[in-house]
Amino acid sequence: MTQSALGTVRHDWTLAEVTSLLDMPLMDLLYHSQRVHREHHEPNTVQMSTLLSIKTGACPEDCAYCPQSVRYDTGLEREELMEVAAVRERAVRAKEAGATRFCMGAAYRSPKARELRIITQMVREVSALGLETCATLGMLAPEQARELKDAGLDYYNHNLDTSPEFYGQIITTRTYQDRLDTLEAVRAADLKVCCGGILGMGESSSDRARLLMTLANLPQHPESVPINQLVQVPGTPLEGAVPVDPLDFVRTIAAARLMMPRAHVRLSAGRQGMSDELQALCFLAGANSIFYGEKLLTTGNPDVERDRSLLARLGIKPERATQAGGSPAMRNEETAA
């Protein structure tokens, strides 16, 4: 693979190719990732999402990183599904703070019919505010994905978390294929996909390469690719895990940008523990989306004022809702049409 071919949209990556990307001299990797980023996205802009936990705790899954699992004693209080009006109020506040996408997360293995009916009402209310809508509700059957699409949902988040090989050390209550089946159901319903992974769970560099390879070799690249840094929560099995090297985190962001050039690559969980300088490197590497607000489901996030200050210092502006996706040239063509 020649360096001039980096940033080509493709779905046939090999492990050796991805490994070579991650092993590239960092300055070369950043040069190419920023070059490709500017070919497909407006420079110096970031898409801003807000994530709200609409139902918290008591999840039957055993994801080793998650404080919402009923299997771990993390001190998290269980909260039932929120009222539709309360969700709408939080969406209004998120929009006023500058978010263009509102994500609703619920701790389910898979939502039941009654719960899904209430969530579709939430989707309709949030969509009516002019916000993009996203949901993460666990596994979906094809008919559930269609129901959400009919309600106006734009994105569905369902992360692969890690490589197929390492996955069994993190989760045993659902298979990797279960996750792929949900992604297939979401695509079949014509929903956009938000799908990424978590770094710092004890995985190897090969596992990171295999995660990226799996994502990039999907029949269609995810429109959003969240790259999370593990937030270690006391009481979970991953408390005390060796943190990921910050520069390896940056390398993963850059490789994701090169392998999925049209996607929004989201600098996601773990930002609260990142320095401003590390976040700046991630933006240089091609990250162009963040979660914006004080909390990610149940863990902390940099507050709004800190984010505003950092983005202002970097000269990065919020992406307008009408700019979501595509290259500047593509957006100009769409405007002219």
C-alpha atoms as a PDB file:
ATOM      1  CA  MET A   1       0.000   0.000   0.000  1.00  0.00           C
ATOM      2  CA  THR A   2       1.543   3.289  -1.110  1.00  0.00           C
ATOM      3  CA  GLN A   3       1.248   6.376   1.039  1.00  0.00           C
ATOM      4  CA  SER A   4      -0.551   8.161  -1.796  1.00  0.00           C
ATOM      5  CA  ALA A   5      -3.326   5.553  -1.506  1.00  0.00           C
ATOM      6  CA  LEU A   6      -3.958   6.344   2.146  1.00  0.00           C
ATOM      7  CA  GLY A   7      -7.465   7.658   2.631  1.00  0.00           C
ATOM      8  CA  THR A   8      -8.992   5.624  -0.180  1.00  0.00           C
ATOM      9  CA  VAL A   9     -12.403   4.240   0.767  1.00  0.00           C
ATOM     10  CA  ARG A  10     -12.079   0.459   0.854  1.00  0.00           C
ATOM     11  CA  HIS A  11     -13.356  -2.592   2.714  1.00  0.00           C
ATOM     12  CA  ASP A  12     -10.575  -5.133   2.246  1.00  0.00           C
ATOM     13  CA  TRP A  13      -7.974  -4.170   4.824  1.00  0.00           C
ATOM     14  CA  THR A  14      -5.507  -6.816   5.974  1.00  0.00           C
ATOM     15  CA  LEU A  15      -4.082  -7.061   9.464  1.00  0.00           C
ATOM     16  CA  ALA A  16      -0.578  -6.423   8.102  1.00  0.00           C
ATOM     17  CA  GLU A  17      -1.743  -3.168   6.489  1.00  0.00           C
ATOM     18  CA  VAL A  18      -3.422  -1.888   9.636  1.00  0.00           C
ATOM     19  CA  THR A  19      -0.407  -2.841  11.739  1.00  0.00           C
ATOM     20  CA  SER A  20       1.851  -0.928   9.375  1.00  0.00           C
ATOM     21  CA  LEU A  21      -0.331   2.161   9.829  1.00  0.00           C
ATOM     22  CA  LEU A  22      -0.139   1.955  13.616  1.00  0.00           C
ATOM     23  CA  ASP A  23       3.635   1.406  13.441  1.00  0.00           C
ATOM     24  CA  MET A  24       4.271   4.380  11.136  1.00  0.00           C
ATOM     25  CA  PRO A  25       6.443   7.200  12.527  1.00  0.00           C
ATOM     26  CA  LEU A  26       3.991   9.369  14.435  1.00  0.00           C
ATOM     27  CA  MET A  27       4.713  12.585  12.535  1.00  0.00           C
ATOM     28  CA  ASP A  28       4.170  10.817   9.209  1.00  0.00           C
ATOM     29  CA  LEU A  29       0.954   9.253  10.479  1.00  0.00           C
ATOM     30  CA  LEU A  30      -0.361  12.622  11.673  1.00  0.00           C
ATOM     31  CA  TYR A  31       0.598  14.278   8.396  1.00  0.00           C
ATOM     32  CA  HIS A  32      -1.364  11.753   6.350  1.00  0.00           C
ATOM     33  CA  SER A  33      -4.359  11.624   8.695  1.00  0.00           C
ATOM     34  CA  GLN A  34      -4.693  15.424   8.672  1.00  0.00           C
ATOM     35  CA  ARG A  35      -4.294  15.524   4.889  1.00  0.00           C
ATOM     36  CA  VAL A  36      -7.043  12.930   4.421  1.00  0.00           C
ATOM     37  CA  HIS A  37      -9.213  14.620   7.039  1.00  0.00           C
ATOM     38  CA  ARG A  38      -9.147  17.874   5.055  1.00  0.00           C
ATOM     39  CA  GLU A  39     -10.050  16.057   1.848  1.00  0.00           C
ATOM     40  CA  HIS A  40     -13.309  14.812   3.343  1.00  0.00           C
ATOM     41  CA  HIS A  41     -14.262  17.214   6.129  1.00  0.00           C
ATOM     42  CA  GLU A  42     -14.399  20.901   6.882  1.00  0.00           C
ATOM     43  CA  PRO A  43     -11.157  21.737   8.724  1.00  0.00           C
ATOM     44  CA  ASN A  44     -11.234  23.235  12.208  1.00  0.00           C
ATOM     45  CA  THR A  45     -14.780  22.109  12.955  1.00  0.00           C
ATOM     46  CA  VAL A  46     -16.115  19.551  15.416  1.00  0.00           C
ATOM     47  CA  GLN A  47     -19.517  17.868  15.582  1.00  0.00           C
ATOM     48  CA  MET A  48     -20.970  18.132  19.077  1.00  0.00           C
ATOM     49  CA  SER A  49     -23.214  15.483  20.598  1.00  0.00           C
ATOM     50  CA  THR A  50     -24.833  15.228  24.015  1.00  0.00           C
ATOM     51  CA  LEU A  51     -25.471  11.836  25.610  1.00  0.00           C
ATOM     52  CA  LEU A  52     -28.244  11.284  28.147  1.00  0.00           C
ATOM     53  CA  SER A  53     -28.840   8.121  30.164  1.00  0.00           C
ATOM     54  CA  ILE A  54     -32.590   7.634  29.829  1.00  0.00           C
ATOM     55  CA  LYS A  55     -32.568   4.413  31.902  1.00  0.00           C
ATOM     56  CA  THR A  56     -29.718   3.689  34.286  1.00  0.00           C
ATOM     57  CA  GLY A  57     -28.382   0.520  35.911  1.00  0.00           C
ATOM     58  CA  ALA A  58     -29.615  -3.052  36.470  1.00  0.00           C
ATOM     59  CA  CYS A  59     -28.258  -4.280  33.134  1.00  0.00           C
ATOM     60  CA  PRO A  60     -28.003  -8.097  33.049  1.00  0.00           C
ATOM     61  CA  GLU A  61     -24.867  -8.087  30.870  1.00  0.00           C
ATOM     62  CA  ASP A  62     -21.371  -8.623  32.306  1.00  0.00           C
ATOM     63  CA  CYS A  63     -19.353  -6.074  30.287  1.00  0.00           C
ATOM     64  CA  ALA A  64     -16.223  -5.754  32.435  1.00  0.00           C
ATOM     65  CA  TYR A  65     -15.944  -1.991  31.937  1.00  0.00           C
ATOM     66  CA  CYS A  66     -19.538  -1.059  32.743  1.00  0.00           C
ATOM     67  CA  PRO A  67     -20.755   0.303  36.110  1.00  0.00           C
ATOM     68  CA  GLN A  68     -24.356  -0.325  35.026  1.00  0.00           C
ATOM     69  CA  SER A  69     -24.044  -4.106  35.189  1.00  0.00           C
ATOM     70  CA  VAL A  70     -26.169  -5.670  37.911  1.00  0.00           C
ATOM     71  CA  ARG A  71     -23.261  -8.060  38.531  1.00  0.00           C
ATOM     72  CA  TYR A  72     -20.926  -5.400  39.960  1.00  0.00           C
ATOM     73  CA  ASP A  73     -21.165  -3.310  43.127  1.00  0.00           C
ATOM     74  CA  THR A  74     -20.281   0.179  41.930  1.00  0.00           C
ATOM     75  CA  GLY A  75     -22.659   2.185  44.110  1.00  0.00           C
ATOM     76  CA  LEU A  76     -24.709   3.199  41.086  1.00  0.00           C
ATOM     77  CA  GLU A  77     -28.355   3.853  41.851  1.00  0.00           C
ATOM     78  CA  ARG A  78     -30.855   2.190  39.537  1.00  0.00           C
ATOM     79  CA  GLU A  79     -33.132   4.622  37.665  1.00  0.00           C
ATOM     80  CA  GLU A  80     -36.212   3.670  35.677  1.00  0.00           C
ATOM     81  CA  LEU A  81     -36.901   4.861  32.140  1.00  0.00           C
ATOM     82  CA  MET A  82     -37.273   8.640  32.117  1.00  0.00           C
ATOM     83  CA  GLU A  83     -40.464  10.469  31.259  1.00  0.00           C
ATOM     84  CA  VAL A  84     -40.707  11.732  27.689  1.00  0.00           C
ATOM     85  CA  ALA A  85     -41.174  15.337  28.810  1.00  0.00           C
ATOM     86  CA  ALA A  86     -38.018  15.213  30.941  1.00  0.00           C
ATOM     87  CA  VAL A  87     -35.976  13.907  28.013  1.00  0.00           C
ATOM     88  CA  ARG A  88     -37.313  16.672  25.787  1.00  0.00           C
ATOM     89  CA  GLU A  89     -36.322  19.268  28.389  1.00  0.00           C
ATOM     90  CA  ARG A  90     -32.767  17.921  28.505  1.00  0.00           C
ATOM     91  CA  ALA A  91     -32.623  17.963  24.698  1.00  0.00           C
ATOM     92  CA  VAL A  92     -33.680  21.609  24.645  1.00  0.00           C
ATOM     93  CA  ARG A  93     -30.871  22.444  27.084  1.00  0.00           C
ATOM     94  CA  ALA A  94     -28.354  20.470  25.001  1.00  0.00           C
ATOM     95  CA  LYS A  95     -29.336  22.364  21.855  1.00  0.00           C
ATOM     96  CA  GLU A  96     -29.051  25.691  23.658  1.00  0.00           C
ATOM     97  CA  ALA A  97     -25.539  24.680  24.760  1.00  0.00           C
ATOM     98  CA  GLY A  98     -24.506  24.028  21.155  1.00  0.00           C
ATOM     99  CA  ALA A  99     -25.093  20.307  20.580  1.00  0.00           C
ATOM    100  CA  THR A 100     -26.384  19.239  17.174  1.00  0.00           C
ATOM    101  CA  ARG A 101     -26.953  15.570  18.012  1.00  0.00           C
ATOM    102  CA  PHE A 102     -28.787  14.168  21.026  1.00  0.00           C
ATOM    103  CA  CYS A 103     -28.023  10.589  22.010  1.00  0.00           C
ATOM    104  CA  MET A 104     -30.237   8.545  24.329  1.00  0.00           C
ATOM    105  CA  GLY A 105     -28.731   5.567  26.116  1.00  0.00           C
ATOM    106  CA  ALA A 106     -30.504   2.864  28.097  1.00  0.00           C
ATOM    107  CA  ALA A 107     -28.987  -0.032  30.030  1.00  0.00           C
ATOM    108  CA  TYR A 108     -30.770  -2.897  28.302  1.00  0.00           C
ATOM    109  CA  ARG A 109     -29.689  -6.210  26.890  1.00  0.00           C
ATOM    110  CA  SER A 110     -32.493  -5.551  24.414  1.00  0.00           C
ATOM    111  CA  PRO A 111     -35.500  -3.240  24.890  1.00  0.00           C
ATOM    112  CA  LYS A 112     -38.962  -4.724  25.452  1.00  0.00           C
ATOM    113  CA  ALA A 113     -41.919  -3.674  23.320  1.00  0.00           C
ATOM    114  CA  ARG A 114     -43.446  -1.325  25.917  1.00  0.00           C
ATOM    115  CA  GLU A 115     -40.099   0.373  26.550  1.00  0.00           C
ATOM    116  CA  LEU A 116     -39.461   0.802  22.859  1.00  0.00           C
ATOM    117  CA  ARG A 117     -42.843   2.487  22.371  1.00  0.00           C
ATOM    118  CA  ILE A 118     -41.908   5.100  24.978  1.00  0.00           C
ATOM    119  CA  ILE A 119     -38.441   5.578  23.460  1.00  0.00           C
ATOM    120  CA  THR A 120     -39.918   6.146  20.009  1.00  0.00           C
ATOM    121  CA  GLN A 121     -41.969   8.975  21.544  1.00  0.00           C
ATOM    122  CA  MET A 122     -38.734  10.452  22.880  1.00  0.00           C
ATOM    123  CA  VAL A 123     -37.186  10.211  19.423  1.00  0.00           C
ATOM    124  CA  ARG A 124     -40.099  12.065  17.861  1.00  0.00           C
ATOM    125  CA  GLU A 125     -39.923  14.849  20.461  1.00  0.00           C
ATOM    126  CA  VAL A 126     -36.162  15.327  20.110  1.00  0.00           C
ATOM    127  CA  SER A 127     -36.293  15.189  16.317  1.00  0.00           C
ATOM    128  CA  ALA A 128     -38.989  17.880  16.318  1.00  0.00           C
ATOM    129  CA  LEU A 129     -36.459  20.221  17.992  1.00  0.00           C
ATOM    130  CA  GLY A 130     -34.245  20.041  14.915  1.00  0.00           C
ATOM    131  CA  LEU A 131     -31.603  17.862  16.552  1.00  0.00           C
ATOM    132  CA  GLU A 132     -30.117  14.737  15.029  1.00  0.00           C
ATOM    133  CA  THR A 133     -31.201  11.746  17.094  1.00  0.00           C
ATOM    134  CA  CYS A 134     -29.182   8.753  18.238  1.00  0.00           C
ATOM    135  CA  ALA A 135     -30.005   5.838  20.532  1.00  0.00           C
ATOM    136  CA  THR A 136     -28.060   3.037  22.172  1.00  0.00           C
ATOM    137  CA  LEU A 137     -30.360   0.394  23.653  1.00  0.00           C
ATOM    138  CA  GLY A 138     -28.469  -2.874  23.370  1.00  0.00           C
ATOM    139  CA  MET A 139     -29.272  -5.547  20.830  1.00  0.00           C
ATOM    140  CA  LEU A 140     -32.021  -4.909  18.272  1.00  0.00           C
ATOM    141  CA  ALA A 141     -34.107  -7.260  16.185  1.00  0.00           C
ATOM    142  CA  PRO A 142     -34.835  -6.125  12.616  1.00  0.00           C
ATOM    143  CA  GLU A 143     -38.406  -5.095  13.445  1.00  0.00           C
ATOM    144  CA  GLN A 144     -37.189  -2.995  16.405  1.00  0.00           C
ATOM    145  CA  ALA A 145     -34.715  -1.176  14.175  1.00  0.00           C
ATOM    146  CA  ARG A 146     -37.506  -0.427  11.691  1.00  0.00           C
ATOM    147  CA  GLU A 147     -39.731   0.897  14.487  1.00  0.00           C
ATOM    148  CA  LEU A 148     -37.008   3.320  15.546  1.00  0.00           C
ATOM    149  CA  LYS A 149     -36.433   4.384  11.961  1.00  0.00           C
ATOM    150  CA  ASP A 150     -40.152   5.040  11.482  1.00  0.00           C
ATOM    151  CA  ALA A 151     -40.072   7.268  14.588  1.00  0.00           C
ATOM    152  CA  GLY A 152     -37.384   9.413  12.991  1.00  0.00           C
ATOM    153  CA  LEU A 153     -34.209   8.048  14.565  1.00  0.00           C
ATOM    154  CA  ASP A 154     -31.092   9.074  12.631  1.00  0.00           C
ATOM    155  CA  TYR A 155     -28.280   7.057  14.251  1.00  0.00           C
ATOM    156  CA  TYR A 156     -27.971   3.870  16.259  1.00  0.00           C
ATOM    157  CA  ASN A 157     -24.910   3.284  18.438  1.00  0.00           C
ATOM    158  CA  HIS A 158     -23.700  -0.250  18.995  1.00  0.00           C
ATOM    159  CA  ASN A 159     -19.977  -0.571  19.658  1.00  0.00           C
ATOM    160  CA  LEU A 160     -17.867  -3.623  18.897  1.00  0.00           C
ATOM    161  CA  ASP A 161     -15.692  -2.623  21.890  1.00  0.00           C
ATOM    162  CA  THR A 162     -12.567  -4.572  20.915  1.00  0.00           C
ATOM    163  CA  SER A 163     -11.227  -7.260  18.600  1.00  0.00           C
ATOM    164  CA  PRO A 164     -13.068 -10.557  18.062  1.00  0.00           C
ATOM    165  CA  GLU A 165     -10.126 -12.353  19.660  1.00  0.00           C
ATOM    166  CA  PHE A 166     -10.063 -10.295  22.884  1.00  0.00           C
ATOM    167  CA  TYR A 167     -13.814  -9.820  23.183  1.00  0.00           C
ATOM    168  CA  GLY A 168     -14.443 -12.946  25.284  1.00  0.00           C
ATOM    169  CA  GLN A 169     -12.180 -11.596  28.043  1.00  0.00           C
ATOM    170  CA  ILE A 170     -14.410  -8.531  28.362  1.00  0.00           C
ATOM    171  CA  ILE A 171     -17.953  -9.837  27.766  1.00  0.00           C
ATOM    172  CA  THR A 172     -19.448 -13.325  27.995  1.00  0.00           C
ATOM    173  CA  THR A 173     -23.197 -12.628  28.005  1.00  0.00           C
ATOM    174  CA  ARG A 174     -23.457 -11.773  24.320  1.00  0.00           C
ATOM    175  CA  THR A 175     -21.286 -12.803  21.405  1.00  0.00           C
ATOM    176  CA  TYR A 176     -19.384 -10.750  18.882  1.00  0.00           C
ATOM    177  CA  GLN A 177     -21.761 -12.091  16.250  1.00  0.00           C
ATOM    178  CA  ASP A 178     -24.705 -10.752  18.287  1.00  0.00           C
ATOM    179  CA  ARG A 179     -23.203  -7.290  17.893  1.00  0.00           C
ATOM    180  CA  LEU A 180     -22.639  -7.742  14.171  1.00  0.00           C
ATOM    181  CA  ASP A 181     -26.225  -8.982  13.779  1.00  0.00           C
ATOM    182  CA  THR A 182     -27.534  -5.799  15.438  1.00  0.00           C
ATOM    183  CA  LEU A 183     -25.435  -3.671  13.096  1.00  0.00           C
ATOM    184  CA  GLU A 184     -26.870  -5.592  10.149  1.00  0.00           C
ATOM    185  CA  ALA A 185     -30.424  -5.015  11.399  1.00  0.00           C
ATOM    186  CA  VAL A 186     -29.714  -1.299  11.837  1.00  0.00           C
ATOM    187  CA  ARG A 187     -28.346  -0.998   8.307  1.00  0.00           C
ATOM    188  CA  ALA A 188     -31.276  -2.938   6.871  1.00  0.00           C
ATOM    189  CA  ALA A 189     -33.610  -0.372   8.478  1.00  0.00           C
ATOM    190  CA  ASP A 190     -31.674   2.417   6.718  1.00  0.00           C
ATOM    191  CA  LEU A 191     -30.377   3.885   9.964  1.00  0.00           C
ATOM    192  CA  LYS A 192     -26.935   5.472  10.182  1.00  0.00           C
ATOM    193  CA  VAL A 193     -24.426   3.576  12.313  1.00  0.00           C
ATOM    194  CA  CYS A 194     -22.336   4.796  15.239  1.00  0.00           C
ATOM    195  CA  CYS A 195     -19.820   2.069  16.081  1.00  0.00           C
ATOM    196  CA  GLY A 196     -16.368   2.043  17.612  1.00  0.00           C
ATOM    197  CA  GLY A 197     -14.450   0.634  20.547  1.00  0.00           C
ATOM    198  CA  ILE A 198     -12.690   1.117  23.875  1.00  0.00           C
ATOM    199  CA  LEU A 199      -8.949   1.354  24.459  1.00  0.00           C
ATOM    200  CA  GLY A 200      -7.157   0.595  27.710  1.00  0.00           C
ATOM    201  CA  MET A 201      -8.913  -2.652  28.675  1.00  0.00           C
ATOM    202  CA  GLY A 202      -5.732  -4.706  28.538  1.00  0.00           C
ATOM    203  CA  GLU A 203      -5.893  -5.331  24.814  1.00  0.00           C
ATOM    204  CA  SER A 204      -2.760  -5.637  22.675  1.00  0.00           C
ATOM    205  CA  SER A 205      -1.796  -3.399  19.768  1.00  0.00           C
ATOM    206  CA  SER A 206      -2.846  -6.296  17.532  1.00  0.00           C
ATOM    207  CA  ASP A 207      -6.309  -6.216  19.107  1.00  0.00           C
ATOM    208  CA  ARG A 208      -6.579  -2.508  18.288  1.00  0.00           C
ATOM    209  CA  ALA A 209      -5.556  -3.237  14.719  1.00  0.00           C
ATOM    210  CA  ARG A 210      -8.135  -6.032  14.445  1.00  0.00           C
ATOM    211  CA  LEU A 211     -10.867  -3.781  15.853  1.00  0.00           C
ATOM    212  CA  LEU A 212     -10.109  -1.122  13.233  1.00  0.00           C
ATOM    213  CA  MET A 213      -9.929  -3.760  10.521  1.00  0.00           C
ATOM    214  CA  THR A 214     -13.333  -5.158  11.508  1.00  0.00           C
ATOM    215  CA  LEU A 215     -14.914  -1.700  11.468  1.00  0.00           C
ATOM    216  CA  ALA A 216     -13.365  -0.663   8.158  1.00  0.00           C
ATOM    217  CA  ASN A 217     -14.230  -3.974   6.481  1.00  0.00           C
ATOM    218  CA  LEU A 218     -17.939  -3.721   7.255  1.00  0.00           C
ATOM    219  CA  PRO A 219     -19.985  -3.521   4.018  1.00  0.00           C
ATOM    220  CA  GLN A 220     -20.505   0.193   4.763  1.00  0.00           C
ATOM    221  CA  HIS A 221     -18.333   2.254   7.068  1.00  0.00           C
ATOM    222  CA  PRO A 222     -20.000   3.599  10.222  1.00  0.00           C
ATOM    223  CA  GLU A 223     -20.947   7.237   9.839  1.00  0.00           C
ATOM    224  CA  SER A 224     -19.626   7.855  13.374  1.00  0.00           C
ATOM    225  CA  VAL A 225     -16.691   6.001  14.933  1.00  0.00           C
ATOM    226  CA  PRO A 226     -16.326   6.669  18.685  1.00  0.00           C
ATOM    227  CA  ILE A 227     -12.871   5.915  20.073  1.00  0.00           C
ATOM    228  CA  ASN A 228     -13.204   5.605  23.851  1.00  0.00           C
ATOM    229  CA  GLN A 229     -10.522   5.564  26.511  1.00  0.00           C
ATOM    230  CA  LEU A 230     -11.527   3.280  29.364  1.00  0.00           C
ATOM    231  CA  VAL A 231     -12.902   5.111  32.374  1.00  0.00           C
ATOM    232  CA  GLN A 232     -11.973   2.869  35.293  1.00  0.00           C
ATOM    233  CA  VAL A 233     -14.877   2.609  37.710  1.00  0.00           C
ATOM    234  CA  PRO A 234     -14.331   1.148  41.203  1.00  0.00           C
ATOM    235  CA  GLY A 235     -16.152  -2.140  41.545  1.00  0.00           C
ATOM    236  CA  THR A 236     -15.816  -3.176  37.895  1.00  0.00           C
ATOM    237  CA  PRO A 237     -13.381  -5.948  36.880  1.00  0.00           C
ATOM    238  CA  LEU A 238     -11.287  -3.478  34.875  1.00  0.00           C
ATOM    239  CA  GLU A 239     -10.545  -1.253  37.840  1.00  0.00           C
ATOM    240  CA  GLY A 240      -6.750  -1.060  37.992  1.00  0.00           C
ATOM    241  CA  ALA A 241      -6.161  -1.908  34.318  1.00  0.00           C
ATOM    242  CA  VAL A 242      -2.961  -0.497  32.821  1.00  0.00           C
ATOM    243  CA  PRO A 243      -3.926   2.703  30.973  1.00  0.00           C
ATOM    244  CA  VAL A 244      -3.379   2.942  27.239  1.00  0.00           C
ATOM    245  CA  ASP A 245      -0.307   4.922  26.223  1.00  0.00           C
ATOM    246  CA  PRO A 246      -1.569   8.386  25.177  1.00  0.00           C
ATOM    247  CA  LEU A 247       0.363   8.324  21.902  1.00  0.00           C
ATOM    248  CA  ASP A 248      -1.041   4.883  21.083  1.00  0.00           C
ATOM    249  CA  PHE A 249      -4.485   6.419  21.591  1.00  0.00           C
ATOM    250  CA  VAL A 250      -3.588   9.177  19.116  1.00  0.00           C
ATOM    251  CA  ARG A 251      -2.286   6.577  16.655  1.00  0.00           C
ATOM    252  CA  THR A 252      -5.612   4.733  16.820  1.00  0.00           C
ATOM    253  CA  ILE A 253      -7.528   7.950  16.085  1.00  0.00           C
ATOM    254  CA  ALA A 254      -5.264   8.648  13.097  1.00  0.00           C
ATOM    255  CA  ALA A 255      -5.578   5.123  11.726  1.00  0.00           C
ATOM    256  CA  ALA A 256      -9.370   5.280  12.044  1.00  0.00           C
ATOM    257  CA  ARG A 257      -9.346   8.542  10.067  1.00  0.00           C
ATOM    258  CA  LEU A 258      -7.246   7.000   7.295  1.00  0.00           C
ATOM    259  CA  MET A 259      -9.259   3.771   7.116  1.00  0.00           C
ATOM    260  CA  MET A 260     -12.714   5.359   7.325  1.00  0.00           C
ATOM    261  CA  PRO A 261     -12.069   8.775   5.785  1.00  0.00           C
ATOM    262  CA  ARG A 262     -15.667   9.921   5.448  1.00  0.00           C
ATOM    263  CA  ALA A 263     -16.719   8.999   8.992  1.00  0.00           C
ATOM    264  CA  HIS A 264     -16.928  11.346  11.931  1.00  0.00           C
ATOM    265  CA  VAL A 265     -14.271  10.019  14.316  1.00  0.00           C
ATOM    266  CA  ARG A 266     -15.437  10.828  17.824  1.00  0.00           C
ATOM    267  CA  LEU A 267     -13.074  11.559  20.680  1.00  0.00           C
ATOM    268  CA  SER A 268     -15.390   9.939  23.164  1.00  0.00           C
ATOM    269  CA  ALA A 269     -15.272   8.588  26.741  1.00  0.00           C
ATOM    270  CA  GLY A 270     -12.231   9.319  28.859  1.00  0.00           C
ATOM    271  CA  ARG A 271     -11.747  12.957  27.869  1.00  0.00           C
ATOM    272  CA  GLN A 272     -12.101  14.098  31.465  1.00  0.00           C
ATOM    273  CA  GLY A 273      -8.748  12.510  32.230  1.00  0.00           C
ATOM    274  CA  MET A 274      -7.022  13.835  29.098  1.00  0.00           C
ATOM    275  CA  SER A 275      -4.871  16.940  29.027  1.00  0.00           C
ATOM    276  CA  ASP A 276      -5.742  19.738  26.624  1.00  0.00           C
ATOM    277  CA  GLU A 277      -2.556  18.895  24.729  1.00  0.00           C
ATOM    278  CA  LEU A 278      -3.590  15.260  24.240  1.00  0.00           C
ATOM    279  CA  GLN A 279      -7.016  16.297  23.002  1.00  0.00           C
ATOM    280  CA  ALA A 280      -5.372  18.731  20.587  1.00  0.00           C
ATOM    281  CA  LEU A 281      -3.254  15.897  19.184  1.00  0.00           C
ATOM    282  CA  CYS A 282      -6.403  13.808  18.723  1.00  0.00           C
ATOM    283  CA  PHE A 283      -8.011  16.629  16.727  1.00  0.00           C
ATOM    284  CA  LEU A 284      -4.845  16.884  14.646  1.00  0.00           C
ATOM    285  CA  ALA A 285      -5.053  13.129  14.061  1.00  0.00           C
ATOM    286  CA  GLY A 286      -8.537  13.522  12.570  1.00  0.00           C
ATOM    287  CA  ALA A 287     -11.023  13.434  15.427  1.00  0.00           C
ATOM    288  CA  ASN A 288     -13.912  15.742  14.527  1.00  0.00           C
ATOM    289  CA  SER A 289     -16.678  14.838  16.966  1.00  0.00           C
ATOM    290  CA  ILE A 290     -17.003  14.985  20.748  1.00  0.00           C
ATOM    291  CA  PHE A 291     -19.569  14.337  23.433  1.00  0.00           C
ATOM    292  CA  TYR A 292     -20.434  17.688  24.938  1.00  0.00           C
ATOM    293  CA  GLY A 293     -21.763  18.076  28.463  1.00  0.00           C
ATOM    294  CA  GLU A 294     -21.068  17.056  32.029  1.00  0.00           C
ATOM    295  CA  LYS A 295     -21.731  13.322  31.909  1.00  0.00           C
ATOM    296  CA  LEU A 296     -21.468  10.297  29.599  1.00  0.00           C
ATOM    297  CA  LEU A 297     -24.226   7.951  30.767  1.00  0.00           C
ATOM    298  CA  THR A 298     -22.816   7.500  34.292  1.00  0.00           C
ATOM    299  CA  THR A 299     -19.203   8.731  34.056  1.00  0.00           C
ATOM    300  CA  GLY A 300     -17.756  12.218  33.984  1.00  0.00           C
ATOM    301  CA  ASN A 301     -17.052  14.363  30.940  1.00  0.00           C
ATOM    302  CA  PRO A 302     -15.354  17.779  30.637  1.00  0.00           C
ATOM    303  CA  ASP A 303     -17.895  20.466  31.372  1.00  0.00           C
ATOM    304  CA  VAL A 304     -19.227  22.791  28.715  1.00  0.00           C
ATOM    305  CA  GLU A 305     -17.096  25.790  29.684  1.00  0.00           C
ATOM    306  CA  ARG A 306     -13.858  23.805  29.608  1.00  0.00           C
ATOM    307  CA  ASP A 307     -14.727  22.512  26.140  1.00  0.00           C
ATOM    308  CA  ARG A 308     -15.624  25.976  24.885  1.00  0.00           C
ATOM    309  CA  SER A 309     -12.341  27.333  26.190  1.00  0.00           C
ATOM    310  CA  LEU A 310     -10.282  24.534  24.635  1.00  0.00           C
ATOM    311  CA  LEU A 311     -11.980  24.754  21.244  1.00  0.00           C
ATOM    312  CA  ALA A 312     -11.561  28.537  21.218  1.00  0.00           C
ATOM    313  CA  ARG A 313      -7.845  28.201  21.989  1.00  0.00           C
ATOM    314  CA  LEU A 314      -7.484  25.714  19.137  1.00  0.00           C
ATOM    315  CA  GLY A 315      -9.540  27.787  16.703  1.00  0.00           C
ATOM    316  CA  ILE A 316     -12.045  24.957  16.280  1.00  0.00           C
ATOM    317  CA  LYS A 317     -15.684  25.839  15.729  1.00  0.00           C
ATOM    318  CA  PRO A 318     -18.811  23.705  16.243  1.00  0.00           C
ATOM    319  CA  GLU A 319     -20.015  22.017  13.088  1.00  0.00           C
ATOM    320  CA  ARG A 320     -23.421  23.255  12.026  1.00  0.00           C
ATOM    321  CA  ALA A 321     -26.170  20.648  11.843  1.00  0.00           C
ATOM    322  CA  THR A 322     -26.524  21.258   8.105  1.00  0.00           C
ATOM    323  CA  GLN A 323     -22.858  20.360   7.616  1.00  0.00           C
ATOM    324  CA  ALA A 324     -23.033  16.824   8.976  1.00  0.00           C
ATOM    325  CA  GLY A 325     -21.082  14.342   6.859  1.00  0.00           C
ATOM    326  CA  GLY A 326     -19.446  14.530   3.468  1.00  0.00           C
ATOM    327  CA  SER A 327     -16.604  16.614   2.138  1.00  0.00           C
ATOM    328  CA  PRO A 328     -16.710  20.389   1.697  1.00  0.00           C
ATOM    329  CA  ALA A 329     -17.000  19.832  -2.049  1.00  0.00           C
ATOM    330  CA  MET A 330     -19.903  17.426  -1.583  1.00  0.00           C
ATOM    331  CA  ARG A 331     -21.690  19.916   0.656  1.00  0.00           C
ATOM    332  CA  ASN A 332     -21.198  22.693  -1.906  1.00  0.00           C
ATOM    333  CA  GLU A 333     -22.660  20.486  -4.619  1.00  0.00           C
ATOM    334  CA  GLU A 334     -25.648  19.682  -2.419  1.00  0.00           C
ATOM    335  CA  THR A 335     -26.195  23.386  -1.697  1.00  0.00           C
ATOM    336  CA  ALA A 336     -26.029  24.242  -5.387  1.00  0.00           C
ATOM    337  CA  ALA A 337     -28.527  21.509  -6.190  1.00  0.00           C
END
